[in-house]
Amino acid sequence: MIGYGIGYIGDGSTYNFMSAYFVVFLTNCVGMNSSLAAAVSSIALLVEVIAGMIVGHVSDNCNSRMGRRRPFILVSAICMPVIMVMIMRTIHASAPIMFFYYLVLSILFRAVFATYEIPVGAFGAEIATGYDERTSLRTITRAFSILGSTIGYVMPLMILDFFQTEAEGWQAIGTIIAVACCASWLGTFFLTRSYAANPQKHEKRQDKIIRNIIKSYIELSKLKTMRILIVYKAAFTCAFSLFNVGTVYYLQNCLGLGNKYSSYMYILTICVFVIMTPIAGKMALHLGKAVQQKIIFLFSGTVGCIVYFTIPETLAGGIMYIIAFAMTQTSFWQLSNSIFYDVVEVDEFKNSKRREGDIMSMVSVLGTLITAIIVQVFGVFLEIFGFNSTLGIQPESVKMFLNAAYILVPSICFIIGYFALKVFPVNKNTFSSLLKALELRRRGKDYSRYMEDVKKLL
């Protein structure tokens, strides 16, 4: 579990850094307007959708001696550092050349990230198979992810002012993240090598990959549990995308904070992560994963609405909102994969297939599509409302937009997620009945006494 979790240092550092700072880097350092910068990220995210669909399905059917998932981890660990170093270079060229340069590298980043994220996410369902064991695995994983988030969130603004130019600073930051990513992903590759012994053989179905993927997605979407989790995932992704892309803009333009003090807000976020991670784990073990998520979604949505309607554009309100959001953010990343893992057995019972890779890729594709749309819409509206990176003080219309996009809309999304989780049927009891029914069915014995619980999941 520790060897598996180490890889999330690289996962957290690269993902959070690119989500929080890449558009800022393109607008404030490279000099792109906000809509073009958003277009670079959005187009690359759409490519990640395709890459994610393919790599999840291919990893499910991989028969490598290294195991189903580990070859993808190795390839990603070799490629990602090179991309990170190149993408954070500030080039001086015509606007079309700059757009093409950063677009190509963004596409490569997203393709390689999907090549790591989806197989390693599916890998967790193979390492931990029990209801509570999966919660424990994700808690360990989250501890390493927090370290990665610290590198991706806090480090950039902390060291940026130490360099003579922004270009030098961003290049150094990209190099640091490249090293951290390579080391952690290689660590996971080598420390999980025992899972490569006697890999399970799978029927090769690579001739019609896209058709098979679409068929799998349709079958999975017919599961009641999966449909509910799609709403849950979509609600969080909308909120998180707006939070990530809007944080620096909100802190600097609505609260008037510079790089140094903005970094303190990210430090506050990391502190919340550290405190909340064991609490979320214990709540999940005691109450159940979905119940914990339901409580935290409602709490954060309520706090956000209170801040927006009573104390917007105040430091106290910003701190309250960031703390509440960080509580939900760390809880979601800690427990959501574990919740999705439990769909694997529901799918196995209903369709007689184990499709960890397809399940994780379907979740990732959904999140990536939403993120691409949100980032593009945010960039376009930021420009429409009058944002200009050369201005010291932005117009009131920009502040109005940032308040709504950064606080109100994410809070509404959390409340929607709460209502979805209210009807989610998987808990410790129903999952236990499902496992027992599966085992009896494999042995050709009667399992009808468990069907009352199992029917709730289908």
Protein backbone atom coordinates (compact mmCIF):
# COMPACT_ATOMS: atom_id res chain seq x y z
CA MET A 1 0.00 0.00 0.00
CA ILE A 2 2.86 2.40 0.81
CA GLY A 3 4.63 1.60 -2.47
CA TYR A 4 1.38 2.26 -4.31
CA GLY A 5 0.75 5.50 -2.41
CA ILE A 6 4.19 7.02 -3.10
CA GLY A 7 3.23 7.62 -6.71
CA TYR A 8 0.63 10.13 -5.61
CA ILE A 9 3.40 12.59 -4.73
CA GLY A 10 3.96 12.99 -8.47
CA ASP A 11 0.25 12.77 -9.21
CA GLY A 12 -0.63 15.54 -6.73
CA SER A 13 2.26 17.83 -7.64
CA THR A 14 1.78 17.74 -11.43
CA TYR A 15 -2.03 17.80 -11.46
CA ASN A 16 -2.50 20.54 -8.87
CA PHE A 17 0.29 22.69 -10.27
CA MET A 18 -1.02 22.57 -13.82
CA SER A 19 -4.62 23.07 -12.70
CA ALA A 20 -3.84 26.03 -10.46
CA TYR A 21 -1.03 27.82 -12.27
CA PHE A 22 -0.76 26.96 -15.95
CA VAL A 23 -3.38 29.45 -17.15
CA VAL A 24 -1.86 32.05 -14.79
CA PHE A 25 1.59 31.32 -16.26
CA LEU A 26 0.29 31.76 -19.80
CA THR A 27 -1.51 35.05 -19.06
CA ASN A 28 0.90 36.71 -16.61
CA CYS A 29 4.28 35.46 -17.87
CA VAL A 30 3.92 34.38 -21.50
CA GLY A 31 1.45 37.20 -22.25
CA MET A 32 -1.49 35.32 -23.80
CA ASN A 33 -4.97 36.70 -23.33
CA SER A 34 -7.14 34.71 -20.96
CA SER A 35 -9.41 33.14 -23.61
CA LEU A 36 -6.46 31.81 -25.63
CA ALA A 37 -4.76 30.51 -22.49
CA ALA A 38 -7.96 28.75 -21.50
CA ALA A 39 -8.25 27.31 -25.02
CA VAL A 40 -4.79 25.74 -24.72
CA SER A 41 -5.83 23.94 -21.53
CA SER A 42 -9.29 23.00 -22.76
CA ILE A 43 -8.12 21.48 -26.06
CA ALA A 44 -5.47 19.46 -24.22
CA LEU A 45 -8.09 18.25 -21.76
CA LEU A 46 -10.23 17.01 -24.63
CA VAL A 47 -7.27 14.98 -25.89
CA GLU A 48 -6.95 13.54 -22.37
CA VAL A 49 -10.53 12.30 -22.72
CA ILE A 50 -9.57 10.16 -25.71
CA ALA A 51 -6.31 9.02 -24.14
CA GLY A 52 -8.10 8.13 -20.91
CA MET A 53 -10.74 6.05 -22.69
CA ILE A 54 -8.13 4.06 -24.58
CA VAL A 55 -5.57 3.54 -21.81
CA GLY A 56 -8.16 2.35 -19.28
CA HIS A 57 -9.52 -0.27 -21.67
CA VAL A 58 -6.07 -1.35 -22.89
CA SER A 59 -4.77 -1.74 -19.32
CA ASP A 60 -7.74 -3.99 -18.47
CA ASN A 61 -6.63 -6.32 -21.27
CA CYS A 62 -2.86 -6.03 -20.85
CA ASN A 63 -0.97 -9.32 -20.46
CA SER A 64 2.50 -7.91 -19.77
CA ARG A 65 4.88 -9.82 -17.50
CA MET A 66 5.04 -6.60 -15.46
CA GLY A 67 1.33 -6.84 -14.72
CA ARG A 68 -1.69 -5.09 -16.18
CA ARG A 69 -1.00 -1.59 -14.82
CA ARG A 70 2.74 -1.26 -14.13
CA PRO A 71 3.94 -0.85 -17.76
CA PHE A 72 1.88 2.33 -18.01
CA ILE A 73 3.40 3.67 -14.79
CA LEU A 74 6.91 3.13 -16.16
CA VAL A 75 6.24 4.87 -19.49
CA SER A 76 4.69 7.84 -17.69
CA ALA A 77 7.60 8.14 -15.25
CA ILE A 78 10.05 8.42 -18.15
CA CYS A 79 8.05 10.87 -20.29
CA MET A 80 6.49 13.29 -17.80
CA PRO A 81 9.69 14.96 -16.47
CA VAL A 82 10.77 15.96 -19.98
CA ILE A 83 7.35 17.47 -20.69
CA MET A 84 7.26 19.41 -17.40
CA VAL A 85 10.64 21.02 -18.07
CA MET A 86 9.70 22.03 -21.61
CA ILE A 87 6.19 23.27 -20.89
CA MET A 88 7.36 25.78 -18.27
CA ARG A 89 9.85 27.45 -20.62
CA THR A 90 8.90 30.98 -21.62
CA ILE A 91 9.44 31.29 -25.35
CA HIS A 92 9.54 34.54 -27.31
CA ALA A 93 7.89 34.15 -30.68
CA SER A 94 4.84 35.21 -32.67
CA ALA A 95 1.43 34.57 -31.14
CA PRO A 96 0.58 31.59 -33.43
CA ILE A 97 3.92 29.88 -32.70
CA MET A 98 3.53 30.38 -28.95
CA PHE A 99 -0.01 29.03 -29.08
CA PHE A 100 1.13 25.97 -31.05
CA TYR A 101 4.13 25.33 -28.74
CA TYR A 102 2.14 25.38 -25.52
CA LEU A 103 -0.80 23.53 -27.06
CA VAL A 104 1.36 20.61 -28.22
CA LEU A 105 3.10 20.33 -24.86
CA SER A 106 -0.22 20.60 -23.02
CA ILE A 107 -1.60 17.77 -25.13
CA LEU A 108 1.47 15.64 -24.37
CA PHE A 109 1.14 16.45 -20.67
CA ARG A 110 -2.51 15.40 -20.57
CA ALA A 111 -1.93 12.23 -22.60
CA VAL A 112 0.94 11.11 -20.36
CA PHE A 113 -0.95 12.06 -17.19
CA ALA A 114 -3.90 9.91 -18.31
CA THR A 115 -1.48 7.07 -19.07
CA TYR A 116 -0.44 7.15 -15.41
CA GLU A 117 -3.59 8.20 -13.58
CA ILE A 118 -6.14 5.73 -14.92
CA PRO A 119 -4.11 2.49 -14.71
CA VAL A 120 -2.81 3.41 -11.26
CA GLY A 121 -6.33 4.26 -10.14
CA ALA A 122 -7.57 0.87 -11.35
CA PHE A 123 -4.52 -0.76 -9.71
CA GLY A 124 -5.87 0.27 -6.30
CA ALA A 125 -8.98 -1.88 -6.73
CA GLU A 126 -6.69 -4.89 -7.27
CA ILE A 127 -4.42 -4.15 -4.30
CA ALA A 128 -7.31 -3.60 -1.85
CA THR A 129 -10.45 -5.70 -2.28
CA GLY A 130 -12.38 -5.22 1.00
CA TYR A 131 -14.81 -2.36 1.77
CA ASP A 132 -12.78 -0.96 4.69
CA GLU A 133 -9.44 -2.03 3.21
CA ARG A 134 -10.10 0.25 0.26
CA THR A 135 -10.79 3.12 2.64
CA SER A 136 -7.47 2.44 4.41
CA LEU A 137 -5.61 2.31 1.10
CA ARG A 138 -7.01 5.65 0.00
CA THR A 139 -6.15 7.21 3.38
CA ILE A 140 -2.51 6.12 2.96
CA THR A 141 -2.57 7.34 -0.62
CA ARG A 142 -4.00 10.69 0.45
CA ALA A 143 -1.10 11.25 2.87
CA PHE A 144 1.35 11.08 -0.05
CA SER A 145 -0.97 13.14 -2.23
CA ILE A 146 -0.88 15.94 0.36
CA LEU A 147 2.90 16.04 0.05
CA GLY A 148 2.48 16.31 -3.72
CA SER A 149 -0.15 19.03 -3.30
CA THR A 150 2.28 20.99 -1.12
CA ILE A 151 4.83 20.89 -3.91
CA GLY A 152 2.26 21.79 -6.56
CA TYR A 153 0.28 24.42 -4.65
CA VAL A 154 2.58 26.09 -2.11
CA MET A 155 6.09 25.86 -3.56
CA PRO A 156 5.50 27.90 -6.75
CA LEU A 157 4.34 31.13 -5.09
CA MET A 158 6.83 30.70 -2.25
CA ILE A 159 9.88 30.70 -4.53
CA LEU A 160 8.67 32.75 -7.51
CA ASP A 161 9.74 36.09 -6.00
CA PHE A 162 13.30 34.82 -5.40
CA PHE A 163 14.08 34.94 -9.12
CA GLN A 164 14.96 38.03 -11.11
CA THR A 165 12.37 37.28 -13.76
CA GLU A 166 9.12 35.33 -13.76
CA ALA A 167 10.40 33.25 -16.67
CA GLU A 168 13.36 31.99 -14.62
CA GLY A 169 11.10 31.26 -11.67
CA TRP A 170 8.56 29.24 -13.64
CA GLN A 171 11.34 27.25 -15.33
CA ALA A 172 12.85 26.35 -11.94
CA ILE A 173 9.42 25.38 -10.61
CA GLY A 174 8.79 23.11 -13.61
CA THR A 175 12.15 21.39 -13.04
CA ILE A 176 11.46 20.78 -9.34
CA ILE A 177 8.07 19.22 -10.11
CA ALA A 178 9.62 17.10 -12.89
CA VAL A 179 12.15 15.60 -10.46
CA ALA A 180 9.52 14.93 -7.76
CA CYS A 181 7.20 13.29 -10.29
CA CYS A 182 9.86 11.04 -11.81
CA ALA A 183 11.15 9.85 -8.44
CA SER A 184 7.71 9.05 -7.01
CA TRP A 185 6.35 7.28 -10.09
CA LEU A 186 9.46 5.15 -10.41
CA GLY A 187 9.09 4.39 -6.70
CA THR A 188 5.60 3.03 -7.26
CA PHE A 189 6.76 1.02 -10.26
CA PHE A 190 9.54 -0.75 -8.34
CA LEU A 191 7.75 -1.08 -4.98
CA THR A 192 4.71 -2.81 -6.50
CA ARG A 193 6.72 -5.33 -8.52
CA SER A 194 5.31 -8.26 -6.50
CA TYR A 195 2.00 -7.67 -8.31
CA ALA A 196 3.71 -8.53 -11.58
CA ALA A 197 4.25 -12.15 -10.52
CA ASN A 198 2.02 -14.56 -12.46
CA PRO A 199 -0.17 -11.82 -13.95
CA GLN A 200 -3.75 -12.77 -14.67
CA LYS A 201 -4.21 -13.47 -18.37
CA HIS A 202 -6.96 -11.63 -20.17
CA GLU A 203 -8.54 -12.21 -23.52
CA LYS A 204 -7.13 -9.72 -25.99
CA ARG A 205 -9.84 -7.50 -27.42
CA GLN A 206 -7.74 -4.77 -29.01
CA ASP A 207 -9.11 -5.08 -32.56
CA LYS A 208 -12.11 -2.81 -32.02
CA ILE A 209 -11.05 -0.75 -29.05
CA ILE A 210 -13.39 2.23 -29.44
CA ARG A 211 -16.44 0.01 -29.98
CA ASN A 212 -15.56 -2.07 -26.93
CA ILE A 213 -15.03 1.06 -24.83
CA ILE A 214 -18.37 2.54 -25.81
CA LYS A 215 -20.08 -0.78 -25.14
CA SER A 216 -18.48 -0.95 -21.69
CA TYR A 217 -19.50 2.62 -20.88
CA ILE A 218 -23.09 1.94 -21.90
CA GLU A 219 -23.23 -1.20 -19.76
CA LEU A 220 -21.70 0.61 -16.79
CA SER A 221 -24.07 3.58 -17.12
CA LYS A 222 -27.02 1.21 -16.79
CA LEU A 223 -25.93 0.41 -13.23
CA LYS A 224 -27.91 2.44 -10.69
CA THR A 225 -24.84 2.94 -8.52
CA MET A 226 -22.81 4.28 -11.45
CA ARG A 227 -25.49 6.77 -12.50
CA ILE A 228 -25.61 8.22 -9.01
CA LEU A 229 -21.82 8.45 -8.84
CA ILE A 230 -21.75 10.23 -12.19
CA VAL A 231 -23.78 13.07 -10.66
CA TYR A 232 -21.54 13.05 -7.57
CA LYS A 233 -18.37 13.20 -9.69
CA ALA A 234 -19.77 15.88 -12.01
CA ALA A 235 -20.82 18.08 -9.09
CA PHE A 236 -17.39 17.94 -7.46
CA THR A 237 -15.51 18.41 -10.73
CA CYS A 238 -17.46 21.58 -11.58
CA ALA A 239 -16.69 23.00 -8.15
CA PHE A 240 -13.05 21.93 -8.12
CA SER A 241 -12.32 23.18 -11.64
CA LEU A 242 -13.66 26.64 -10.81
CA PHE A 243 -11.79 26.67 -7.51
CA ASN A 244 -8.48 25.63 -9.06
CA VAL A 245 -8.53 27.95 -12.03
CA GLY A 246 -9.93 30.87 -10.03
CA THR A 247 -7.95 30.83 -6.78
CA VAL A 248 -4.99 33.00 -7.79
CA TYR A 249 -7.23 35.44 -9.66
CA TYR A 250 -9.61 35.68 -6.68
CA LEU A 251 -6.88 36.12 -4.07
CA GLN A 252 -5.04 38.78 -6.04
CA ASN A 253 -7.97 40.72 -7.49
CA CYS A 254 -10.76 40.37 -4.90
CA LEU A 255 -8.68 40.18 -1.72
CA GLY A 256 -5.68 42.16 -2.95
CA LEU A 257 -3.06 39.56 -1.95
CA GLY A 258 0.34 39.31 -3.63
CA ASN A 259 2.30 36.12 -4.33
CA LYS A 260 3.67 35.87 -0.79
CA TYR A 261 0.33 36.17 0.99
CA SER A 262 -1.46 34.09 -1.64
CA SER A 263 0.99 31.30 -0.86
CA TYR A 264 -0.10 31.50 2.78
CA MET A 265 -3.62 30.59 1.66
CA TYR A 266 -2.24 27.49 -0.01
CA ILE A 267 -0.32 26.68 3.17
CA LEU A 268 -3.63 26.99 5.03
CA THR A 269 -5.14 24.55 2.52
CA ILE A 270 -2.36 22.03 3.14
CA CYS A 271 -2.82 22.37 6.92
CA VAL A 272 -6.51 21.55 6.48
CA PHE A 273 -5.53 18.55 4.35
CA VAL A 274 -3.23 17.25 7.09
CA ILE A 275 -5.82 17.70 9.85
CA MET A 276 -8.80 16.47 7.83
CA THR A 277 -7.26 13.34 6.31
CA PRO A 278 -7.29 11.15 9.48
CA ILE A 279 -10.66 12.59 10.49
CA ALA A 280 -12.18 11.74 7.10
CA GLY A 281 -10.70 8.23 7.28
CA LYS A 282 -12.16 7.59 10.74
CA MET A 283 -15.53 9.03 9.75
CA ALA A 284 -15.61 6.80 6.68
CA LEU A 285 -14.73 3.68 8.69
CA HIS A 286 -17.36 4.51 11.33
CA LEU A 287 -20.21 5.98 9.24
CA GLY A 288 -19.42 4.70 5.75
CA LYS A 289 -17.70 6.40 2.83
CA ALA A 290 -20.80 7.80 1.16
CA VAL A 291 -22.21 9.16 4.43
CA GLN A 292 -18.95 10.96 5.17
CA GLN A 293 -18.99 12.51 1.70
CA LYS A 294 -22.64 13.51 2.05
CA ILE A 295 -21.99 15.34 5.33
CA ILE A 296 -18.91 17.20 4.07
CA PHE A 297 -20.58 18.23 0.78
CA LEU A 298 -23.54 19.75 2.63
CA PHE A 299 -21.24 21.53 5.10
CA SER A 300 -19.05 23.13 2.43
CA GLY A 301 -21.99 24.10 0.24
CA THR A 302 -23.67 25.82 3.18
CA VAL A 303 -20.51 27.68 4.24
CA GLY A 304 -19.91 28.88 0.68
CA CYS A 305 -23.44 30.26 0.33
CA ILE A 306 -23.14 32.07 3.67
CA VAL A 307 -19.83 33.65 2.63
CA TYR A 308 -21.14 34.73 -0.77
CA PHE A 309 -24.30 36.37 0.53
CA THR A 310 -22.88 37.93 3.72
CA ILE A 311 -19.11 38.60 3.62
CA PRO A 312 -17.77 38.38 0.04
CA GLU A 313 -14.43 40.03 -0.83
CA THR A 314 -13.28 39.95 2.79
CA LEU A 315 -10.24 38.16 4.15
CA ALA A 316 -12.34 36.45 6.83
CA GLY A 317 -14.83 35.23 4.24
CA GLY A 318 -12.05 34.01 1.96
CA ILE A 319 -10.43 32.08 4.79
CA MET A 320 -13.75 30.49 5.83
CA TYR A 321 -14.50 29.42 2.28
CA ILE A 322 -11.02 28.07 1.55
CA ILE A 323 -11.03 26.03 4.78
CA ALA A 324 -14.47 24.55 4.00
CA PHE A 325 -13.48 23.82 0.41
CA ALA A 326 -10.19 22.23 1.47
CA MET A 327 -12.10 19.92 3.84
CA THR A 328 -14.27 18.70 0.97
CA GLN A 329 -11.39 18.58 -1.49
CA THR A 330 -9.18 16.35 0.65
CA SER A 331 -12.12 14.14 1.64
CA PHE A 332 -13.14 13.66 -1.98
CA TRP A 333 -9.67 12.76 -3.24
CA GLN A 334 -9.20 10.46 -0.27
CA LEU A 335 -12.44 8.50 -0.57
CA SER A 336 -13.94 8.92 -4.04
CA ASN A 337 -11.80 6.27 -5.73
CA SER A 338 -12.65 3.85 -2.94
CA ILE A 339 -16.35 4.54 -3.58
CA PHE A 340 -15.89 3.93 -7.30
CA TYR A 341 -13.91 0.74 -6.59
CA ASP A 342 -17.05 -0.77 -5.07
CA VAL A 343 -18.79 -0.51 -8.45
CA VAL A 344 -16.35 -3.17 -9.72
CA GLU A 345 -18.16 -5.92 -7.82
CA VAL A 346 -21.60 -4.54 -8.75
CA ASP A 347 -20.54 -4.70 -12.40
CA GLU A 348 -19.16 -8.22 -11.90
CA PHE A 349 -22.46 -9.40 -10.44
CA LYS A 350 -24.58 -7.73 -13.11
CA ASN A 351 -22.42 -8.25 -16.21
CA SER A 352 -19.96 -11.00 -15.14
CA LYS A 353 -16.98 -8.75 -15.92
CA ARG A 354 -14.29 -7.01 -13.86
CA ARG A 355 -13.53 -3.71 -15.54
CA GLU A 356 -11.50 -1.63 -13.09
CA GLY A 357 -9.78 0.23 -15.93
CA ASP A 358 -13.00 1.04 -17.79
CA ILE A 359 -14.66 2.23 -14.58
CA MET A 360 -11.77 4.53 -13.67
CA SER A 361 -11.43 5.80 -17.24
CA MET A 362 -15.16 6.52 -17.43
CA VAL A 363 -14.90 8.56 -14.23
CA SER A 364 -11.79 10.32 -15.49
CA VAL A 365 -13.31 11.06 -18.89
CA LEU A 366 -16.34 12.63 -17.23
CA GLY A 367 -14.15 14.77 -14.98
CA THR A 368 -11.85 15.80 -17.81
CA LEU A 369 -14.69 16.80 -20.13
CA ILE A 370 -16.26 18.94 -17.43
CA THR A 371 -12.91 20.50 -16.54
CA ALA A 372 -12.23 21.36 -20.20
CA ILE A 373 -15.59 23.10 -20.51
CA ILE A 374 -15.25 24.93 -17.19
CA VAL A 375 -11.71 26.18 -17.89
CA GLN A 376 -12.69 27.46 -21.34
CA VAL A 377 -15.87 29.14 -20.11
CA PHE A 378 -13.98 30.70 -17.19
CA GLY A 379 -11.32 32.15 -19.52
CA VAL A 380 -13.88 33.53 -21.97
CA PHE A 381 -16.04 35.13 -19.28
CA LEU A 382 -13.01 36.52 -17.47
CA GLU A 383 -12.13 38.38 -20.66
CA ILE A 384 -15.75 39.41 -21.32
CA PHE A 385 -16.00 40.93 -17.84
CA GLY A 386 -12.92 43.05 -18.55
CA PHE A 387 -9.89 41.25 -17.11
CA ASN A 388 -6.56 42.76 -18.24
CA SER A 389 -3.31 41.36 -16.82
CA THR A 390 -1.55 44.72 -17.34
CA LEU A 391 -3.89 46.55 -14.96
CA GLY A 392 -2.93 46.93 -11.32
CA ILE A 393 -6.58 47.05 -10.22
CA GLN A 394 -9.24 45.15 -12.15
CA PRO A 395 -12.71 46.62 -12.82
CA GLU A 396 -15.59 45.84 -10.46
CA SER A 397 -17.17 43.64 -13.12
CA VAL A 398 -14.19 41.25 -12.87
CA LYS A 399 -14.56 41.07 -9.10
CA MET A 400 -18.28 40.38 -9.42
CA PHE A 401 -17.59 37.54 -11.86
CA LEU A 402 -14.85 36.04 -9.67
CA ASN A 403 -17.10 36.07 -6.59
CA ALA A 404 -19.84 34.19 -8.41
CA ALA A 405 -17.56 31.75 -10.27
CA TYR A 406 -15.23 31.06 -7.36
CA ILE A 407 -17.68 30.89 -4.43
CA LEU A 408 -21.36 30.70 -5.40
CA VAL A 409 -21.33 28.19 -8.26
CA PRO A 410 -19.04 25.66 -6.47
CA SER A 411 -21.23 25.87 -3.37
CA ILE A 412 -24.35 25.06 -5.40
CA CYS A 413 -22.48 22.13 -6.97
CA PHE A 414 -21.68 20.71 -3.53
CA ILE A 415 -25.34 20.84 -2.54
CA ILE A 416 -26.26 18.96 -5.74
CA GLY A 417 -23.64 16.34 -4.84
CA TYR A 418 -25.19 16.00 -1.39
CA PHE A 419 -28.60 15.15 -2.83
CA ALA A 420 -27.05 12.56 -5.18
CA LEU A 421 -25.31 10.82 -2.28
CA LYS A 422 -28.52 10.70 -0.27
CA VAL A 423 -29.81 7.94 -2.56
CA PHE A 424 -26.50 6.06 -3.00
CA PRO A 425 -27.19 2.44 -1.91
CA VAL A 426 -23.69 1.00 -1.30
CA ASN A 427 -22.71 0.67 2.35
CA LYS A 428 -20.81 -1.85 4.44
CA ASN A 429 -23.84 -4.15 4.82
CA THR A 430 -25.00 -4.16 1.20
CA PHE A 431 -21.42 -4.55 -0.04
CA SER A 432 -20.86 -7.50 2.30
CA SER A 433 -24.01 -9.16 0.95
CA LEU A 434 -22.79 -8.54 -2.59
CA LEU A 435 -19.42 -10.21 -1.94
CA LYS A 436 -21.09 -13.23 -0.34
CA ALA A 437 -23.54 -13.56 -3.23
CA LEU A 438 -20.69 -13.37 -5.74
CA GLU A 439 -18.70 -16.04 -3.93
CA LEU A 440 -21.68 -18.40 -3.68
CA ARG A 441 -22.52 -17.86 -7.34
CA ARG A 442 -18.93 -18.70 -8.36
CA ARG A 443 -19.23 -21.96 -6.42
CA GLY A 444 -22.61 -22.78 -7.96
CA LYS A 445 -24.50 -22.49 -4.67
CA ASP A 446 -27.72 -20.73 -3.70
CA TYR A 447 -27.30 -17.04 -2.89
CA SER A 448 -30.94 -15.95 -2.83
CA ARG A 449 -30.81 -14.93 0.84
CA TYR A 450 -28.53 -12.01 -0.13
CA MET A 451 -30.56 -10.79 -3.10
CA GLU A 452 -32.63 -8.28 -1.13
CA ASP A 453 -29.50 -6.24 -0.47
CA VAL A 454 -28.00 -6.91 -3.90
CA LYS A 455 -31.11 -5.66 -5.72
CA LYS A 456 -30.65 -2.27 -4.02
CA LEU A 457 -27.30 -1.92 -5.79
CA LEU A 458 -28.47 -2.81 -9.29
